[in-house]
Amino acid sequence: MSQHISEETSNNQLSPKEEQDLSSLPELPPGISIPAPSATPRRKTRWPDAIDVIFEKDPACRNIFEALLYQGLWAIFYHRIAHALYRAHIPFLPRLISQFARFITGGIEIHPGAQIGKRFFIDHGAGTVIGETTLIGNNVMLYHQVTMGATGWWRHGPGKKQKRHPTIEDDVTIGVGAAILGPITIGRGSTIGAMALVLEPVPPYSVVAAKPTELLVKGGEPLEKHQELTQGWNDREPWMDYQI
């Protein structure tokens, strides 16, 4: 397996420190590339971080009017208010705000207790769940239907709130449909692939991917190497479709 650096940035002159940082990165699967560090970072817009990050991470966003229509922007706006009230130990109102935000954003549910850093972005933003004790660093991006939840049945210890949800460090990207469960840590700079179920800590600068789909039946004929998975799939026994 080889690690690819995009041609657009590979011509940049890198300092010795940047070259050392590149050499410490893990190898990536074929077809996956990462940009090299650039000496001239993207020029920041005049808008606040919550809006500027939309222009940075979504090329489909053309202007400020489109940015203001993003559900993720409003989800984080209402969460900032709910979290401030939560920290002030004001009852009921923080949850009311979070449920209102869930309604108007198409299902982005962020518990008021979750701690979220700067430049947080949820692309497409439908069906996202972030639990109470989740900690999210800076410059983290999620796609839709991501869950940051707990595992099992938890109760708080005496005089102490137990950590039940994940910690997401800076510069992490989490793909569509991923579920990160339990009080685990996703290390800085990591990428979690679509539909991944993550139950163990992930070291910094790692790539986690779910097993891709496999072709079991081709042209109506089960493939020989998958016979054990396709037993009974024929026209005479349609009830076997319940194996799916």
C-alpha atoms as a PDB file:
ATOM      1  CA  MET A   1       0.000   0.000   0.000  1.00  0.00           C
ATOM      2  CA  SER A   2       1.284   3.450  -0.816  1.00  0.00           C
ATOM      3  CA  GLN A   3       0.482   6.876   0.455  1.00  0.00           C
ATOM      4  CA  HIS A   4      -0.459   9.417  -2.189  1.00  0.00           C
ATOM      5  CA  ILE A   5       0.021  13.153  -1.998  1.00  0.00           C
ATOM      6  CA  SER A   6      -2.118  15.250  -4.315  1.00  0.00           C
ATOM      7  CA  GLU A   7      -0.228  16.653  -7.301  1.00  0.00           C
ATOM      8  CA  GLU A   8      -1.583  20.127  -6.694  1.00  0.00           C
ATOM      9  CA  THR A   9       0.256  20.498  -3.388  1.00  0.00           C
ATOM     10  CA  SER A  10       3.223  18.182  -3.870  1.00  0.00           C
ATOM     11  CA  ASN A  11       5.216  20.922  -5.630  1.00  0.00           C
ATOM     12  CA  ASN A  12       5.175  23.138  -2.531  1.00  0.00           C
ATOM     13  CA  GLN A  13       8.451  23.512  -0.673  1.00  0.00           C
ATOM     14  CA  LEU A  14       8.131  21.856   2.730  1.00  0.00           C
ATOM     15  CA  SER A  15      10.093  22.747   5.800  1.00  0.00           C
ATOM     16  CA  PRO A  16      12.069  19.988   7.595  1.00  0.00           C
ATOM     17  CA  LYS A  17       9.390  19.933  10.303  1.00  0.00           C
ATOM     18  CA  GLU A  18       6.606  19.450   7.732  1.00  0.00           C
ATOM     19  CA  GLU A  19       8.581  16.649   6.032  1.00  0.00           C
ATOM     20  CA  GLN A  20       9.000  14.949   9.389  1.00  0.00           C
ATOM     21  CA  ASP A  21       5.256  15.269  10.026  1.00  0.00           C
ATOM     22  CA  LEU A  22       4.541  13.631   6.658  1.00  0.00           C
ATOM     23  CA  SER A  23       6.900  10.737   7.345  1.00  0.00           C
ATOM     24  CA  SER A  24       5.052   9.971  10.576  1.00  0.00           C
ATOM     25  CA  LEU A  25       1.694   9.568   8.852  1.00  0.00           C
ATOM     26  CA  PRO A  26       0.336   6.016   8.381  1.00  0.00           C
ATOM     27  CA  GLU A  27       0.083   4.405   4.974  1.00  0.00           C
ATOM     28  CA  LEU A  28      -3.322   4.771   3.335  1.00  0.00           C
ATOM     29  CA  PRO A  29      -5.262   2.222   1.256  1.00  0.00           C
ATOM     30  CA  PRO A  30      -4.956   2.506  -2.546  1.00  0.00           C
ATOM     31  CA  GLY A  31      -7.118   5.250  -4.018  1.00  0.00           C
ATOM     32  CA  ILE A  32      -7.124   7.398  -0.873  1.00  0.00           C
ATOM     33  CA  SER A  33      -5.099  10.595  -0.957  1.00  0.00           C
ATOM     34  CA  ILE A  34      -4.361  13.398   1.466  1.00  0.00           C
ATOM     35  CA  PRO A  35      -3.164  16.904   0.641  1.00  0.00           C
ATOM     36  CA  ALA A  36       0.326  17.922   1.682  1.00  0.00           C
ATOM     37  CA  PRO A  37       0.649  20.793   4.161  1.00  0.00           C
ATOM     38  CA  SER A  38       0.724  24.116   2.366  1.00  0.00           C
ATOM     39  CA  ALA A  39       2.801  27.121   3.318  1.00  0.00           C
ATOM     40  CA  THR A  40      -0.072  29.387   2.239  1.00  0.00           C
ATOM     41  CA  PRO A  41      -3.282  28.310   3.987  1.00  0.00           C
ATOM     42  CA  ARG A  42      -6.712  29.056   2.545  1.00  0.00           C
ATOM     43  CA  ARG A  43      -7.685  32.688   2.906  1.00  0.00           C
ATOM     44  CA  LYS A  44     -10.293  33.124   5.620  1.00  0.00           C
ATOM     45  CA  THR A  45     -13.535  34.875   4.744  1.00  0.00           C
ATOM     46  CA  ARG A  46     -14.884  37.815   6.703  1.00  0.00           C
ATOM     47  CA  TRP A  47     -17.599  35.673   8.253  1.00  0.00           C
ATOM     48  CA  PRO A  48     -17.509  34.038  11.728  1.00  0.00           C
ATOM     49  CA  ASP A  49     -15.930  30.598  12.062  1.00  0.00           C
ATOM     50  CA  ALA A  50     -19.274  28.776  12.080  1.00  0.00           C
ATOM     51  CA  ILE A  51     -19.987  30.183   8.598  1.00  0.00           C
ATOM     52  CA  ASP A  52     -16.429  30.318   7.262  1.00  0.00           C
ATOM     53  CA  VAL A  53     -16.018  26.580   7.843  1.00  0.00           C
ATOM     54  CA  ILE A  54     -18.970  25.920   5.523  1.00  0.00           C
ATOM     55  CA  PHE A  55     -17.200  27.697   2.660  1.00  0.00           C
ATOM     56  CA  GLU A  56     -14.009  25.781   3.475  1.00  0.00           C
ATOM     57  CA  LYS A  57     -15.468  22.285   3.586  1.00  0.00           C
ATOM     58  CA  ASP A  58     -18.397  22.382   1.149  1.00  0.00           C
ATOM     59  CA  PRO A  59     -17.649  23.579  -2.401  1.00  0.00           C
ATOM     60  CA  ALA A  60     -21.398  23.506  -3.121  1.00  0.00           C
ATOM     61  CA  CYS A  61     -21.886  26.587  -0.938  1.00  0.00           C
ATOM     62  CA  ARG A  62     -21.682  29.609  -3.256  1.00  0.00           C
ATOM     63  CA  ASN A  63     -22.601  32.588  -1.083  1.00  0.00           C
ATOM     64  CA  ILE A  64     -23.627  33.715   2.394  1.00  0.00           C
ATOM     65  CA  PHE A  65     -27.336  33.304   1.653  1.00  0.00           C
ATOM     66  CA  GLU A  66     -26.852  29.614   0.904  1.00  0.00           C
ATOM     67  CA  ALA A  67     -24.663  29.219   4.014  1.00  0.00           C
ATOM     68  CA  LEU A  68     -27.481  30.547   6.177  1.00  0.00           C
ATOM     69  CA  LEU A  69     -29.720  27.721   4.936  1.00  0.00           C
ATOM     70  CA  TYR A  70     -27.443  24.965   6.266  1.00  0.00           C
ATOM     71  CA  GLN A  71     -29.119  22.971   9.046  1.00  0.00           C
ATOM     72  CA  GLY A  72     -25.772  22.299  10.696  1.00  0.00           C
ATOM     73  CA  LEU A  73     -25.196  26.023  11.163  1.00  0.00           C
ATOM     74  CA  TRP A  74     -28.471  26.473  13.028  1.00  0.00           C
ATOM     75  CA  ALA A  75     -27.911  23.300  15.036  1.00  0.00           C
ATOM     76  CA  ILE A  76     -24.621  24.609  16.428  1.00  0.00           C
ATOM     77  CA  PHE A  77     -26.115  28.097  16.961  1.00  0.00           C
ATOM     78  CA  TYR A  78     -28.897  26.736  19.159  1.00  0.00           C
ATOM     79  CA  HIS A  79     -26.508  24.347  20.868  1.00  0.00           C
ATOM     80  CA  ARG A  80     -24.251  27.194  21.978  1.00  0.00           C
ATOM     81  CA  ILE A  81     -27.239  28.799  23.700  1.00  0.00           C
ATOM     82  CA  ALA A  82     -28.481  25.538  25.225  1.00  0.00           C
ATOM     83  CA  HIS A  83     -24.994  24.602  26.444  1.00  0.00           C
ATOM     84  CA  ALA A  84     -24.504  27.959  28.169  1.00  0.00           C
ATOM     85  CA  LEU A  85     -27.802  27.511  30.007  1.00  0.00           C
ATOM     86  CA  TYR A  86     -26.889  23.908  30.836  1.00  0.00           C
ATOM     87  CA  ARG A  87     -23.612  25.017  32.402  1.00  0.00           C
ATOM     88  CA  ALA A  88     -25.530  27.600  34.415  1.00  0.00           C
ATOM     89  CA  HIS A  89     -27.612  24.712  35.845  1.00  0.00           C
ATOM     90  CA  ILE A  90     -30.857  26.113  34.478  1.00  0.00           C
ATOM     91  CA  PRO A  91     -33.382  23.254  34.348  1.00  0.00           C
ATOM     92  CA  PHE A  92     -35.614  22.213  31.439  1.00  0.00           C
ATOM     93  CA  LEU A  93     -34.898  25.174  29.129  1.00  0.00           C
ATOM     94  CA  PRO A  94     -31.682  23.737  27.623  1.00  0.00           C
ATOM     95  CA  ARG A  95     -33.472  20.519  26.640  1.00  0.00           C
ATOM     96  CA  LEU A  96     -36.381  22.503  25.248  1.00  0.00           C
ATOM     97  CA  ILE A  97     -34.000  24.464  23.025  1.00  0.00           C
ATOM     98  CA  SER A  98     -32.227  21.288  21.857  1.00  0.00           C
ATOM     99  CA  GLN A  99     -35.545  19.641  20.969  1.00  0.00           C
ATOM    100  CA  PHE A 100     -36.681  22.748  19.098  1.00  0.00           C
ATOM    101  CA  ALA A 101     -33.385  22.717  17.188  1.00  0.00           C
ATOM    102  CA  ARG A 102     -33.909  19.045  16.377  1.00  0.00           C
ATOM    103  CA  PHE A 103     -37.321  19.867  14.912  1.00  0.00           C
ATOM    104  CA  ILE A 104     -36.182  22.715  12.657  1.00  0.00           C
ATOM    105  CA  THR A 105     -32.929  21.069  11.515  1.00  0.00           C
ATOM    106  CA  GLY A 106     -34.349  17.788  10.282  1.00  0.00           C
ATOM    107  CA  GLY A 107     -33.231  15.621  13.171  1.00  0.00           C
ATOM    108  CA  ILE A 108     -29.900  16.987  14.403  1.00  0.00           C
ATOM    109  CA  GLU A 109     -30.092  16.159  18.108  1.00  0.00           C
ATOM    110  CA  ILE A 110     -27.281  17.551  20.262  1.00  0.00           C
ATOM    111  CA  HIS A 111     -27.590  17.178  24.006  1.00  0.00           C
ATOM    112  CA  PRO A 112     -27.032  20.515  25.785  1.00  0.00           C
ATOM    113  CA  GLY A 113     -24.253  18.938  27.857  1.00  0.00           C
ATOM    114  CA  ALA A 114     -22.079  18.065  24.854  1.00  0.00           C
ATOM    115  CA  GLN A 115     -18.932  20.189  24.556  1.00  0.00           C
ATOM    116  CA  ILE A 116     -18.128  21.260  20.988  1.00  0.00           C
ATOM    117  CA  GLY A 117     -15.097  23.224  19.807  1.00  0.00           C
ATOM    118  CA  LYS A 118     -14.673  25.820  17.079  1.00  0.00           C
ATOM    119  CA  ARG A 119     -15.248  25.339  13.339  1.00  0.00           C
ATOM    120  CA  PHE A 120     -17.594  22.390  13.814  1.00  0.00           C
ATOM    121  CA  PHE A 121     -19.450  21.424  10.626  1.00  0.00           C
ATOM    122  CA  ILE A 122     -22.228  18.921   9.916  1.00  0.00           C
ATOM    123  CA  ASP A 123     -22.656  18.432   6.164  1.00  0.00           C
ATOM    124  CA  HIS A 124     -26.232  17.674   5.023  1.00  0.00           C
ATOM    125  CA  GLY A 125     -27.084  17.392   8.714  1.00  0.00           C
ATOM    126  CA  ALA A 126     -29.978  14.919   8.906  1.00  0.00           C
ATOM    127  CA  GLY A 127     -30.349  12.348  11.659  1.00  0.00           C
ATOM    128  CA  THR A 128     -27.266  13.258  13.707  1.00  0.00           C
ATOM    129  CA  VAL A 129     -27.152  12.316  17.419  1.00  0.00           C
ATOM    130  CA  ILE A 130     -24.555  13.662  19.870  1.00  0.00           C
ATOM    131  CA  GLY A 131     -24.793  12.477  23.478  1.00  0.00           C
ATOM    132  CA  GLU A 132     -24.513  14.387  26.734  1.00  0.00           C
ATOM    133  CA  THR A 133     -20.904  13.668  27.705  1.00  0.00           C
ATOM    134  CA  THR A 134     -19.456  13.920  24.190  1.00  0.00           C
ATOM    135  CA  LEU A 135     -16.340  16.087  23.828  1.00  0.00           C
ATOM    136  CA  ILE A 136     -15.583  17.427  20.343  1.00  0.00           C
ATOM    137  CA  GLY A 137     -12.439  19.392  19.505  1.00  0.00           C
ATOM    138  CA  ASN A 138     -11.789  22.042  16.869  1.00  0.00           C
ATOM    139  CA  ASN A 139     -12.207  21.707  13.112  1.00  0.00           C
ATOM    140  CA  VAL A 140     -14.281  18.508  13.274  1.00  0.00           C
ATOM    141  CA  MET A 141     -16.556  17.571  10.370  1.00  0.00           C
ATOM    142  CA  LEU A 142     -19.468  15.124  10.373  1.00  0.00           C
ATOM    143  CA  TYR A 143     -21.657  13.881   7.590  1.00  0.00           C
ATOM    144  CA  HIS A 144     -25.313  13.002   8.110  1.00  0.00           C
ATOM    145  CA  GLN A 145     -26.655  10.148  10.267  1.00  0.00           C
ATOM    146  CA  VAL A 146     -23.628  10.052  12.546  1.00  0.00           C
ATOM    147  CA  THR A 147     -24.237   8.806  16.090  1.00  0.00           C
ATOM    148  CA  MET A 148     -22.048   9.573  19.080  1.00  0.00           C
ATOM    149  CA  GLY A 149     -23.705   7.475  21.727  1.00  0.00           C
ATOM    150  CA  ALA A 150     -23.204   5.293  24.767  1.00  0.00           C
ATOM    151  CA  THR A 151     -23.153   1.531  25.170  1.00  0.00           C
ATOM    152  CA  GLY A 152     -25.170  -0.400  27.724  1.00  0.00           C
ATOM    153  CA  TRP A 153     -27.023   0.978  30.704  1.00  0.00           C
ATOM    154  CA  TRP A 154     -25.202   3.709  32.568  1.00  0.00           C
ATOM    155  CA  ARG A 155     -25.804   5.403  35.894  1.00  0.00           C
ATOM    156  CA  HIS A 156     -23.950   8.341  37.360  1.00  0.00           C
ATOM    157  CA  GLY A 157     -21.670   7.644  40.307  1.00  0.00           C
ATOM    158  CA  PRO A 158     -22.258   9.444  43.613  1.00  0.00           C
ATOM    159  CA  GLY A 159     -21.493  13.137  43.172  1.00  0.00           C
ATOM    160  CA  LYS A 160     -19.939  12.545  39.759  1.00  0.00           C
ATOM    161  CA  LYS A 161     -21.205  12.424  36.183  1.00  0.00           C
ATOM    162  CA  GLN A 162     -19.864   9.359  34.407  1.00  0.00           C
ATOM    163  CA  LYS A 163     -18.337   9.715  30.938  1.00  0.00           C
ATOM    164  CA  ARG A 164     -20.534   7.667  28.612  1.00  0.00           C
ATOM    165  CA  HIS A 165     -19.895   9.163  25.176  1.00  0.00           C
ATOM    166  CA  PRO A 166     -16.889   9.591  22.863  1.00  0.00           C
ATOM    167  CA  THR A 167     -14.142  12.188  22.821  1.00  0.00           C
ATOM    168  CA  ILE A 168     -13.358  13.467  19.309  1.00  0.00           C
ATOM    169  CA  GLU A 169     -10.043  15.279  19.053  1.00  0.00           C
ATOM    170  CA  ASP A 170      -9.147  18.098  16.622  1.00  0.00           C
ATOM    171  CA  ASP A 171      -9.252  17.773  12.812  1.00  0.00           C
ATOM    172  CA  VAL A 172     -11.329  14.580  12.679  1.00  0.00           C
ATOM    173  CA  THR A 173     -13.692  13.739   9.800  1.00  0.00           C
ATOM    174  CA  ILE A 174     -16.526  11.237  10.340  1.00  0.00           C
ATOM    175  CA  GLY A 175     -18.351   9.733   7.353  1.00  0.00           C
ATOM    176  CA  VAL A 176     -22.041   9.180   6.758  1.00  0.00           C
ATOM    177  CA  GLY A 177     -23.800   6.676   8.985  1.00  0.00           C
ATOM    178  CA  ALA A 178     -20.857   6.073  11.311  1.00  0.00           C
ATOM    179  CA  ALA A 179     -21.598   5.138  14.932  1.00  0.00           C
ATOM    180  CA  ILE A 180     -19.023   5.922  17.617  1.00  0.00           C
ATOM    181  CA  LEU A 181     -20.145   4.406  20.890  1.00  0.00           C
ATOM    182  CA  GLY A 182     -18.856   4.532  24.430  1.00  0.00           C
ATOM    183  CA  PRO A 183     -16.271   6.652  26.285  1.00  0.00           C
ATOM    184  CA  ILE A 184     -13.568   6.145  23.660  1.00  0.00           C
ATOM    185  CA  THR A 185     -11.216   8.661  22.033  1.00  0.00           C
ATOM    186  CA  ILE A 186     -10.870   9.288  18.314  1.00  0.00           C
ATOM    187  CA  GLY A 187      -7.353  10.654  17.891  1.00  0.00           C
ATOM    188  CA  ARG A 188      -6.449  13.918  16.251  1.00  0.00           C
ATOM    189  CA  GLY A 189      -6.445  14.043  12.455  1.00  0.00           C
ATOM    190  CA  SER A 190      -8.229  10.700  12.003  1.00  0.00           C
ATOM    191  CA  THR A 191     -10.843   9.792   9.418  1.00  0.00           C
ATOM    192  CA  ILE A 192     -13.775   7.489  10.187  1.00  0.00           C
ATOM    193  CA  GLY A 193     -15.283   5.981   7.045  1.00  0.00           C
ATOM    194  CA  ALA A 194     -18.951   5.689   6.137  1.00  0.00           C
ATOM    195  CA  MET A 195     -21.060   3.164   8.091  1.00  0.00           C
ATOM    196  CA  ALA A 196     -18.213   2.318  10.449  1.00  0.00           C
ATOM    197  CA  LEU A 197     -19.084   1.013  13.914  1.00  0.00           C
ATOM    198  CA  VAL A 198     -16.342   2.182  16.268  1.00  0.00           C
ATOM    199  CA  LEU A 199     -16.219   0.654  19.759  1.00  0.00           C
ATOM    200  CA  GLU A 200     -12.499   1.001  20.542  1.00  0.00           C
ATOM    201  CA  PRO A 201     -10.145   4.002  20.746  1.00  0.00           C
ATOM    202  CA  VAL A 202      -8.567   5.165  17.479  1.00  0.00           C
ATOM    203  CA  PRO A 203      -4.950   6.476  17.533  1.00  0.00           C
ATOM    204  CA  PRO A 204      -4.152   9.900  16.043  1.00  0.00           C
ATOM    205  CA  TYR A 205      -3.858  10.184  12.249  1.00  0.00           C
ATOM    206  CA  SER A 206      -5.638   6.901  11.592  1.00  0.00           C
ATOM    207  CA  VAL A 207      -8.120   5.814   8.924  1.00  0.00           C
ATOM    208  CA  VAL A 208     -10.995   3.519   9.938  1.00  0.00           C
ATOM    209  CA  ALA A 209     -13.231   1.980   7.269  1.00  0.00           C
ATOM    210  CA  ALA A 210     -16.169  -0.405   7.410  1.00  0.00           C
ATOM    211  CA  LYS A 211     -16.088  -3.595   5.355  1.00  0.00           C
ATOM    212  CA  PRO A 212     -17.425  -2.797   1.856  1.00  0.00           C
ATOM    213  CA  THR A 213     -20.322  -4.676   0.291  1.00  0.00           C
ATOM    214  CA  GLU A 214     -19.677  -7.980  -1.492  1.00  0.00           C
ATOM    215  CA  LEU A 215     -21.246  -9.300  -4.679  1.00  0.00           C
ATOM    216  CA  LEU A 216     -23.049 -12.537  -3.714  1.00  0.00           C
ATOM    217  CA  VAL A 217     -25.201 -13.193  -6.790  1.00  0.00           C
ATOM    218  CA  LYS A 218     -24.175 -12.203 -10.327  1.00  0.00           C
ATOM    219  CA  GLY A 219     -26.546 -12.539 -13.268  1.00  0.00           C
ATOM    220  CA  GLY A 220     -28.924 -14.572 -11.119  1.00  0.00           C
ATOM    221  CA  GLU A 221     -26.219 -17.115 -10.202  1.00  0.00           C
ATOM    222  CA  PRO A 222     -24.652 -17.251  -6.727  1.00  0.00           C
ATOM    223  CA  LEU A 223     -20.902 -16.827  -6.803  1.00  0.00           C
ATOM    224  CA  GLU A 224     -19.066 -19.976  -5.763  1.00  0.00           C
ATOM    225  CA  LYS A 225     -16.906 -18.285  -3.150  1.00  0.00           C
ATOM    226  CA  HIS A 226     -20.038 -17.078  -1.349  1.00  0.00           C
ATOM    227  CA  GLN A 227     -22.096 -20.290  -1.451  1.00  0.00           C
ATOM    228  CA  GLU A 228     -22.247 -20.438   2.335  1.00  0.00           C
ATOM    229  CA  LEU A 229     -23.943 -17.029   2.393  1.00  0.00           C
ATOM    230  CA  THR A 230     -26.457 -17.749  -0.375  1.00  0.00           C
ATOM    231  CA  GLN A 231     -27.823 -21.162   0.608  1.00  0.00           C
ATOM    232  CA  GLY A 232     -31.494 -21.421  -0.344  1.00  0.00           C
ATOM    233  CA  TRP A 233     -31.621 -18.349  -2.563  1.00  0.00           C
ATOM    234  CA  ASN A 234     -33.742 -19.632  -5.442  1.00  0.00           C
ATOM    235  CA  ASP A 235     -37.178 -19.184  -6.976  1.00  0.00           C
ATOM    236  CA  ARG A 236     -38.690 -22.150  -5.110  1.00  0.00           C
ATOM    237  CA  GLU A 237     -37.909 -20.805  -1.676  1.00  0.00           C
ATOM    238  CA  PRO A 238     -38.627 -17.039  -1.684  1.00  0.00           C
ATOM    239  CA  TRP A 239     -38.956 -17.053   2.093  1.00  0.00           C
ATOM    240  CA  MET A 240     -35.186 -17.385   2.265  1.00  0.00           C
ATOM    241  CA  ASP A 241     -34.983 -13.710   1.339  1.00  0.00           C
ATOM    242  CA  TYR A 242     -35.373 -13.101   5.028  1.00  0.00           C
ATOM    243  CA  GLN A 243     -31.670 -13.925   5.338  1.00  0.00           C
ATOM    244  CA  ILE A 244     -30.963 -10.391   4.145  1.00  0.00           C
END
